[in-house]
Amino acid sequence: MPHLTLEYSANLADEKSIGQLCNTLAQCLAAQRDGEQRVYPLGGIRVRALRCDQYYIADGRPDAAFLHANLKIGAGRSGAVKKATGDALFALIKQHFAAEFEQHGLALSLEIGEFSEAGSWKHNNLHARFKT
């Protein structure tokens, strides 16, 4: 973990812009520290974007757009660590869409949820790549 999923309205941005945002957010997750310790293992970082072609926002005006980010992390991190992660990610999202925010209706949101170890299954050889 962490897994960050971005859902966004098709009228918000092109693939290049969203790809750049995914890269920036992945780097942000990799940079999170709790003291000297990395908060999130590199082998667990996933950032993906889902374009929503069908949507209705507020009063239905065609210039309204949205992006919702859902970060799922393993349980056990402190509230301070979760807040620092959320603040860092959300600042980057707001910065990325600052021009769009000034030009038309835009709803940006982020939520963080925790996976339960009892309720998730994993098969991953990516962590081993970073042990050397």
N, C-alpha and C. Protein backbone atom coordinates (compact mmCIF):
# COMPACT_ATOMS: atom_id res chain seq x y z
N MET A 1 0.86 -1.16 0.00
CA MET A 1 0.00 0.00 0.00
C MET A 1 0.90 1.23 0.00
N PRO A 2 0.56 2.30 -0.48
CA PRO A 2 -0.76 2.88 -0.70
C PRO A 2 -1.24 2.73 -2.15
N HIS A 3 -2.56 2.76 -2.29
CA HIS A 3 -3.17 2.77 -3.62
C HIS A 3 -3.99 4.05 -3.72
N LEU A 4 -3.68 4.87 -4.71
CA LEU A 4 -4.38 6.13 -4.92
C LEU A 4 -5.14 6.05 -6.24
N THR A 5 -6.45 6.19 -6.17
CA THR A 5 -7.30 6.16 -7.36
C THR A 5 -7.89 7.54 -7.58
N LEU A 6 -7.70 8.05 -8.78
CA LEU A 6 -8.26 9.34 -9.17
C LEU A 6 -9.44 9.08 -10.10
N GLU A 7 -10.59 9.62 -9.76
CA GLU A 7 -11.75 9.61 -10.65
C GLU A 7 -11.95 11.05 -11.09
N TYR A 8 -12.10 11.26 -12.41
CA TYR A 8 -12.23 12.64 -12.88
C TYR A 8 -13.19 12.72 -14.06
N SER A 9 -13.84 13.86 -14.18
CA SER A 9 -14.77 14.07 -15.28
C SER A 9 -13.98 14.26 -16.58
N ALA A 10 -14.52 13.74 -17.65
CA ALA A 10 -13.84 13.75 -18.95
C ALA A 10 -13.52 15.16 -19.44
N ASN A 11 -14.25 16.14 -18.96
CA ASN A 11 -14.02 17.52 -19.41
C ASN A 11 -12.94 18.24 -18.61
N LEU A 12 -12.28 17.55 -17.70
CA LEU A 12 -11.31 18.23 -16.84
C LEU A 12 -9.94 18.35 -17.47
N ALA A 13 -9.40 17.27 -18.00
CA ALA A 13 -8.02 17.31 -18.47
C ALA A 13 -7.77 16.22 -19.50
N ASP A 14 -6.68 16.39 -20.24
CA ASP A 14 -6.31 15.36 -21.22
C ASP A 14 -5.42 14.31 -20.56
N GLU A 15 -5.13 13.25 -21.31
CA GLU A 15 -4.35 12.14 -20.77
C GLU A 15 -2.96 12.57 -20.32
N LYS A 16 -2.33 13.47 -21.05
CA LYS A 16 -0.98 13.92 -20.69
C LYS A 16 -1.00 14.61 -19.33
N SER A 17 -1.95 15.49 -19.13
CA SER A 17 -2.05 16.21 -17.86
C SER A 17 -2.31 15.26 -16.70
N ILE A 18 -3.22 14.32 -16.90
CA ILE A 18 -3.53 13.35 -15.85
C ILE A 18 -2.34 12.43 -15.60
N GLY A 19 -1.63 12.05 -16.65
CA GLY A 19 -0.43 11.24 -16.49
C GLY A 19 0.64 11.95 -15.68
N GLN A 20 0.81 13.24 -15.94
CA GLN A 20 1.76 14.03 -15.16
C GLN A 20 1.34 14.11 -13.69
N LEU A 21 0.05 14.27 -13.46
CA LEU A 21 -0.45 14.32 -12.08
C LEU A 21 -0.21 12.99 -11.38
N CYS A 22 -0.47 11.88 -12.05
CA CYS A 22 -0.21 10.56 -11.45
C CYS A 22 1.26 10.43 -11.05
N ASN A 23 2.16 10.85 -11.91
CA ASN A 23 3.59 10.79 -11.62
C ASN A 23 3.94 11.66 -10.41
N THR A 24 3.43 12.87 -10.38
CA THR A 24 3.70 13.79 -9.27
C THR A 24 3.19 13.22 -7.95
N LEU A 25 2.00 12.65 -7.97
CA LEU A 25 1.41 12.11 -6.74
C LEU A 25 2.15 10.86 -6.27
N ALA A 26 2.60 10.03 -7.20
CA ALA A 26 3.39 8.86 -6.82
C ALA A 26 4.71 9.28 -6.17
N GLN A 27 5.35 10.29 -6.72
CA GLN A 27 6.58 10.81 -6.13
C GLN A 27 6.33 11.37 -4.74
N CYS A 28 5.19 12.02 -4.56
CA CYS A 28 4.82 12.57 -3.25
C CYS A 28 4.66 11.44 -2.24
N LEU A 29 3.99 10.38 -2.61
CA LEU A 29 3.82 9.24 -1.71
C LEU A 29 5.17 8.63 -1.34
N ALA A 30 6.05 8.50 -2.33
CA ALA A 30 7.38 7.93 -2.08
C ALA A 30 8.21 8.81 -1.15
N ALA A 31 7.95 10.10 -1.16
CA ALA A 31 8.73 11.05 -0.36
C ALA A 31 8.26 11.17 1.09
N GLN A 32 7.10 10.62 1.42
CA GLN A 32 6.57 10.75 2.78
C GLN A 32 7.46 10.03 3.78
N ARG A 33 7.77 10.72 4.87
CA ARG A 33 8.62 10.17 5.92
C ARG A 33 7.97 10.37 7.29
N ASP A 34 8.26 9.45 8.17
CA ASP A 34 7.91 9.57 9.58
C ASP A 34 9.24 9.49 10.32
N GLY A 35 9.81 10.64 10.60
CA GLY A 35 11.18 10.68 11.09
C GLY A 35 12.10 10.31 9.95
N GLU A 36 12.92 9.30 10.16
CA GLU A 36 13.83 8.83 9.11
C GLU A 36 13.22 7.73 8.26
N GLN A 37 12.11 7.17 8.71
CA GLN A 37 11.49 6.02 8.03
C GLN A 37 10.57 6.43 6.89
N ARG A 38 10.66 5.69 5.79
CA ARG A 38 9.73 5.85 4.69
C ARG A 38 8.35 5.40 5.19
N VAL A 39 7.33 6.19 4.92
CA VAL A 39 5.97 5.85 5.36
C VAL A 39 5.38 4.74 4.51
N TYR A 40 5.59 4.82 3.19
CA TYR A 40 4.97 3.87 2.27
C TYR A 40 6.07 3.16 1.47
N PRO A 41 6.08 1.83 1.45
CA PRO A 41 7.09 1.11 0.68
C PRO A 41 6.91 1.35 -0.82
N LEU A 42 8.02 1.54 -1.52
CA LEU A 42 7.96 1.79 -2.97
C LEU A 42 7.20 0.71 -3.71
N GLY A 43 7.40 -0.54 -3.32
CA GLY A 43 6.75 -1.65 -4.01
C GLY A 43 5.24 -1.68 -3.85
N GLY A 44 4.71 -0.89 -2.95
CA GLY A 44 3.27 -0.87 -2.74
C GLY A 44 2.56 0.31 -3.36
N ILE A 45 3.32 1.28 -3.88
CA ILE A 45 2.70 2.51 -4.40
C ILE A 45 2.02 2.22 -5.74
N ARG A 46 0.75 2.60 -5.82
CA ARG A 46 -0.03 2.52 -7.05
C ARG A 46 -0.80 3.83 -7.19
N VAL A 47 -0.73 4.43 -8.33
CA VAL A 47 -1.56 5.60 -8.64
C VAL A 47 -2.22 5.33 -9.98
N ARG A 48 -3.52 5.42 -10.01
CA ARG A 48 -4.26 5.15 -11.25
C ARG A 48 -5.37 6.18 -11.40
N ALA A 49 -5.73 6.43 -12.64
CA ALA A 49 -6.75 7.43 -12.95
C ALA A 49 -7.86 6.81 -13.78
N LEU A 50 -9.06 7.09 -13.38
CA LEU A 50 -10.25 6.58 -14.08
C LEU A 50 -11.04 7.77 -14.62
N ARG A 51 -11.09 7.88 -15.92
CA ARG A 51 -11.83 8.96 -16.57
C ARG A 51 -13.31 8.59 -16.57
N CYS A 52 -14.13 9.50 -16.14
CA CYS A 52 -15.58 9.29 -16.11
C CYS A 52 -16.21 10.01 -17.30
N ASP A 53 -16.70 9.24 -18.25
CA ASP A 53 -17.34 9.83 -19.42
C ASP A 53 -18.80 10.18 -19.14
N GLN A 54 -19.40 9.49 -18.21
CA GLN A 54 -20.79 9.75 -17.84
C GLN A 54 -20.82 10.34 -16.44
N TYR A 55 -21.33 11.54 -16.31
CA TYR A 55 -21.37 12.21 -15.00
C TYR A 55 -22.39 13.34 -15.05
N TYR A 56 -22.80 13.77 -13.90
CA TYR A 56 -23.67 14.94 -13.75
C TYR A 56 -23.16 15.67 -12.53
N ILE A 57 -22.88 16.95 -12.66
CA ILE A 57 -22.30 17.73 -11.57
C ILE A 57 -23.21 18.90 -11.24
N ALA A 58 -23.55 19.03 -9.97
CA ALA A 58 -24.33 20.17 -9.44
C ALA A 58 -25.58 20.43 -10.28
N ASP A 59 -25.62 21.57 -10.98
CA ASP A 59 -26.82 21.93 -11.75
C ASP A 59 -26.77 21.45 -13.19
N GLY A 60 -25.76 20.65 -13.54
CA GLY A 60 -25.68 20.07 -14.87
C GLY A 60 -25.00 20.94 -15.92
N ARG A 61 -24.47 22.09 -15.52
CA ARG A 61 -23.77 22.93 -16.49
C ARG A 61 -22.59 22.17 -17.09
N PRO A 62 -22.40 22.26 -18.39
CA PRO A 62 -21.36 21.47 -19.05
C PRO A 62 -19.93 21.87 -18.71
N ASP A 63 -19.72 23.04 -18.14
CA ASP A 63 -18.36 23.47 -17.82
C ASP A 63 -17.93 23.05 -16.41
N ALA A 64 -18.81 22.42 -15.66
CA ALA A 64 -18.44 21.96 -14.31
C ALA A 64 -17.64 20.67 -14.44
N ALA A 65 -16.63 20.54 -13.57
CA ALA A 65 -15.74 19.37 -13.62
C ALA A 65 -15.45 18.90 -12.20
N PHE A 66 -14.90 17.67 -12.09
CA PHE A 66 -14.52 17.17 -10.77
C PHE A 66 -13.32 16.25 -10.86
N LEU A 67 -12.65 16.14 -9.73
CA LEU A 67 -11.65 15.08 -9.51
C LEU A 67 -11.79 14.66 -8.06
N HIS A 68 -11.95 13.36 -7.86
CA HIS A 68 -11.99 12.81 -6.50
C HIS A 68 -10.84 11.82 -6.37
N ALA A 69 -10.03 12.00 -5.35
CA ALA A 69 -8.90 11.11 -5.08
C ALA A 69 -9.23 10.26 -3.86
N ASN A 70 -9.04 8.96 -3.99
CA ASN A 70 -9.30 8.03 -2.90
C ASN A 70 -8.01 7.28 -2.60
N LEU A 71 -7.42 7.55 -1.45
CA LEU A 71 -6.18 6.90 -1.03
C LEU A 71 -6.51 5.80 -0.04
N LYS A 72 -6.11 4.58 -0.37
CA LYS A 72 -6.28 3.45 0.54
C LYS A 72 -4.89 3.06 1.05
N ILE A 73 -4.77 2.98 2.37
CA ILE A 73 -3.49 2.64 3.00
C ILE A 73 -3.70 1.50 3.98
N GLY A 74 -2.62 0.84 4.32
CA GLY A 74 -2.68 -0.19 5.35
C GLY A 74 -2.95 0.45 6.70
N ALA A 75 -3.63 -0.27 7.56
CA ALA A 75 -3.97 0.24 8.89
C ALA A 75 -2.73 0.40 9.75
N GLY A 76 -2.82 1.29 10.73
CA GLY A 76 -1.78 1.41 11.74
C GLY A 76 -0.96 2.68 11.72
N ARG A 77 -1.14 3.54 10.73
CA ARG A 77 -0.38 4.78 10.71
C ARG A 77 -1.06 5.82 11.58
N SER A 78 -0.25 6.69 12.17
CA SER A 78 -0.78 7.70 13.09
C SER A 78 -1.63 8.73 12.35
N GLY A 79 -2.45 9.41 13.12
CA GLY A 79 -3.25 10.49 12.56
C GLY A 79 -2.39 11.58 11.96
N ALA A 80 -1.26 11.88 12.59
CA ALA A 80 -0.36 12.91 12.08
C ALA A 80 0.22 12.51 10.72
N VAL A 81 0.59 11.25 10.58
CA VAL A 81 1.13 10.76 9.30
C VAL A 81 0.06 10.82 8.22
N LYS A 82 -1.15 10.41 8.54
CA LYS A 82 -2.24 10.46 7.56
C LYS A 82 -2.55 11.90 7.16
N LYS A 83 -2.56 12.80 8.13
CA LYS A 83 -2.82 14.21 7.84
C LYS A 83 -1.72 14.79 6.96
N ALA A 84 -0.46 14.50 7.27
CA ALA A 84 0.65 15.01 6.46
C ALA A 84 0.56 14.50 5.03
N THR A 85 0.22 13.23 4.87
CA THR A 85 0.06 12.66 3.53
C THR A 85 -1.08 13.34 2.79
N GLY A 86 -2.22 13.46 3.44
CA GLY A 86 -3.38 14.10 2.81
C GLY A 86 -3.10 15.54 2.44
N ASP A 87 -2.48 16.28 3.35
CA ASP A 87 -2.16 17.68 3.07
C ASP A 87 -1.23 17.80 1.86
N ALA A 88 -0.20 16.95 1.80
CA ALA A 88 0.76 17.01 0.71
C ALA A 88 0.11 16.66 -0.63
N LEU A 89 -0.67 15.58 -0.65
CA LEU A 89 -1.34 15.18 -1.89
C LEU A 89 -2.34 16.24 -2.36
N PHE A 90 -3.15 16.73 -1.42
CA PHE A 90 -4.20 17.67 -1.82
C PHE A 90 -3.61 18.99 -2.30
N ALA A 91 -2.51 19.43 -1.69
CA ALA A 91 -1.84 20.66 -2.16
C ALA A 91 -1.39 20.49 -3.61
N LEU A 92 -0.85 19.32 -3.95
CA LEU A 92 -0.40 19.07 -5.32
C LEU A 92 -1.57 19.01 -6.30
N ILE A 93 -2.66 18.40 -5.89
CA ILE A 93 -3.85 18.34 -6.74
C ILE A 93 -4.39 19.74 -7.00
N LYS A 94 -4.49 20.54 -5.95
CA LYS A 94 -4.99 21.92 -6.11
C LYS A 94 -4.05 22.73 -7.00
N GLN A 95 -2.76 22.57 -6.82
CA GLN A 95 -1.79 23.29 -7.64
C GLN A 95 -1.91 22.87 -9.11
N HIS A 96 -2.07 21.59 -9.35
CA HIS A 96 -2.15 21.07 -10.71
C HIS A 96 -3.35 21.66 -11.46
N PHE A 97 -4.45 21.87 -10.76
CA PHE A 97 -5.67 22.36 -11.40
C PHE A 97 -6.00 23.81 -11.06
N ALA A 98 -5.02 24.59 -10.66
CA ALA A 98 -5.26 25.98 -10.26
C ALA A 98 -5.87 26.80 -11.40
N ALA A 99 -5.36 26.65 -12.61
CA ALA A 99 -5.90 27.43 -13.74
C ALA A 99 -7.34 27.04 -14.03
N GLU A 100 -7.63 25.74 -14.02
CA GLU A 100 -8.99 25.27 -14.27
C GLU A 100 -9.95 25.76 -13.18
N PHE A 101 -9.46 25.82 -11.95
CA PHE A 101 -10.28 26.28 -10.83
C PHE A 101 -10.69 27.74 -11.04
N GLU A 102 -9.80 28.53 -11.61
CA GLU A 102 -10.09 29.95 -11.85
C GLU A 102 -11.03 30.15 -13.04
N GLN A 103 -11.07 29.20 -13.95
CA GLN A 103 -11.81 29.39 -15.20
C GLN A 103 -13.24 28.87 -15.18
N HIS A 104 -13.51 27.82 -14.43
CA HIS A 104 -14.87 27.25 -14.42
C HIS A 104 -15.11 26.48 -13.14
N GLY A 105 -16.34 26.00 -12.99
CA GLY A 105 -16.70 25.24 -11.79
C GLY A 105 -15.89 23.96 -11.67
N LEU A 106 -15.29 23.75 -10.51
CA LEU A 106 -14.44 22.58 -10.31
C LEU A 106 -14.54 22.11 -8.86
N ALA A 107 -14.81 20.84 -8.68
CA ALA A 107 -14.87 20.24 -7.34
C ALA A 107 -13.69 19.27 -7.21
N LEU A 108 -12.81 19.54 -6.27
CA LEU A 108 -11.67 18.67 -5.97
C LEU A 108 -11.88 18.08 -4.59
N SER A 109 -11.58 16.79 -4.43
CA SER A 109 -11.73 16.16 -3.12
C SER A 109 -10.74 15.02 -2.98
N LEU A 110 -10.45 14.70 -1.72
CA LEU A 110 -9.53 13.61 -1.38
C LEU A 110 -10.03 12.96 -0.11
N GLU A 111 -10.01 11.65 -0.07
CA GLU A 111 -10.31 10.92 1.16
C GLU A 111 -9.28 9.83 1.37
N ILE A 112 -9.03 9.51 2.63
CA ILE A 112 -8.09 8.46 2.98
C ILE A 112 -8.84 7.39 3.77
N GLY A 113 -8.70 6.16 3.35
CA GLY A 113 -9.29 5.03 4.05
C GLY A 113 -8.23 3.98 4.32
N GLU A 114 -8.49 3.13 5.29
CA GLU A 114 -7.53 2.10 5.66
C GLU A 114 -8.03 0.71 5.28
N PHE A 115 -7.13 -0.07 4.68
CA PHE A 115 -7.40 -1.47 4.42
C PHE A 115 -7.28 -2.26 5.71
N SER A 116 -8.09 -3.24 5.88
CA SER A 116 -7.94 -4.19 6.97
C SER A 116 -7.11 -5.36 6.46
N GLU A 117 -6.09 -5.75 7.19
CA GLU A 117 -5.28 -6.90 6.78
C GLU A 117 -6.12 -8.17 6.68
N ALA A 118 -7.13 -8.27 7.54
CA ALA A 118 -7.99 -9.45 7.52
C ALA A 118 -8.87 -9.48 6.27
N GLY A 119 -9.06 -8.32 5.64
CA GLY A 119 -9.95 -8.25 4.50
C GLY A 119 -9.26 -7.99 3.17
N SER A 120 -7.96 -8.24 3.08
CA SER A 120 -7.28 -8.03 1.80
C SER A 120 -6.29 -9.16 1.53
N TRP A 121 -6.15 -9.48 0.26
CA TRP A 121 -5.24 -10.52 -0.19
C TRP A 121 -4.25 -9.88 -1.15
N LYS A 122 -2.98 -10.30 -1.06
CA LYS A 122 -1.94 -9.71 -1.91
C LYS A 122 -0.99 -10.79 -2.40
N HIS A 123 -0.52 -10.61 -3.61
CA HIS A 123 0.53 -11.45 -4.19
C HIS A 123 1.38 -10.48 -5.00
N ASN A 124 2.57 -10.14 -4.49
CA ASN A 124 3.34 -9.02 -5.03
C ASN A 124 4.82 -9.34 -4.95
N ASN A 125 5.51 -9.29 -6.09
CA ASN A 125 6.96 -9.48 -6.07
C ASN A 125 7.71 -8.17 -6.24
N LEU A 126 7.01 -7.05 -6.21
CA LEU A 126 7.64 -5.75 -6.40
C LEU A 126 8.50 -5.34 -5.20
N HIS A 127 8.09 -5.68 -4.00
CA HIS A 127 8.86 -5.30 -2.81
C HIS A 127 10.27 -5.87 -2.85
N ALA A 128 10.41 -7.09 -3.35
CA ALA A 128 11.72 -7.75 -3.42
C ALA A 128 12.69 -6.97 -4.30
N ARG A 129 12.21 -6.28 -5.28
CA ARG A 129 13.08 -5.49 -6.18
C ARG A 129 13.80 -4.38 -5.44
N PHE A 130 13.25 -3.90 -4.36
CA PHE A 130 13.79 -2.75 -3.65
C PHE A 130 14.58 -3.14 -2.41
N LYS A 131 14.74 -4.43 -2.14
CA LYS A 131 15.47 -4.88 -0.95
C LYS A 131 16.97 -4.81 -1.14
N THR A 132 17.46 -4.78 -2.38
CA THR A 132 18.91 -4.77 -2.62
C THR A 132 19.46 -3.37 -2.59
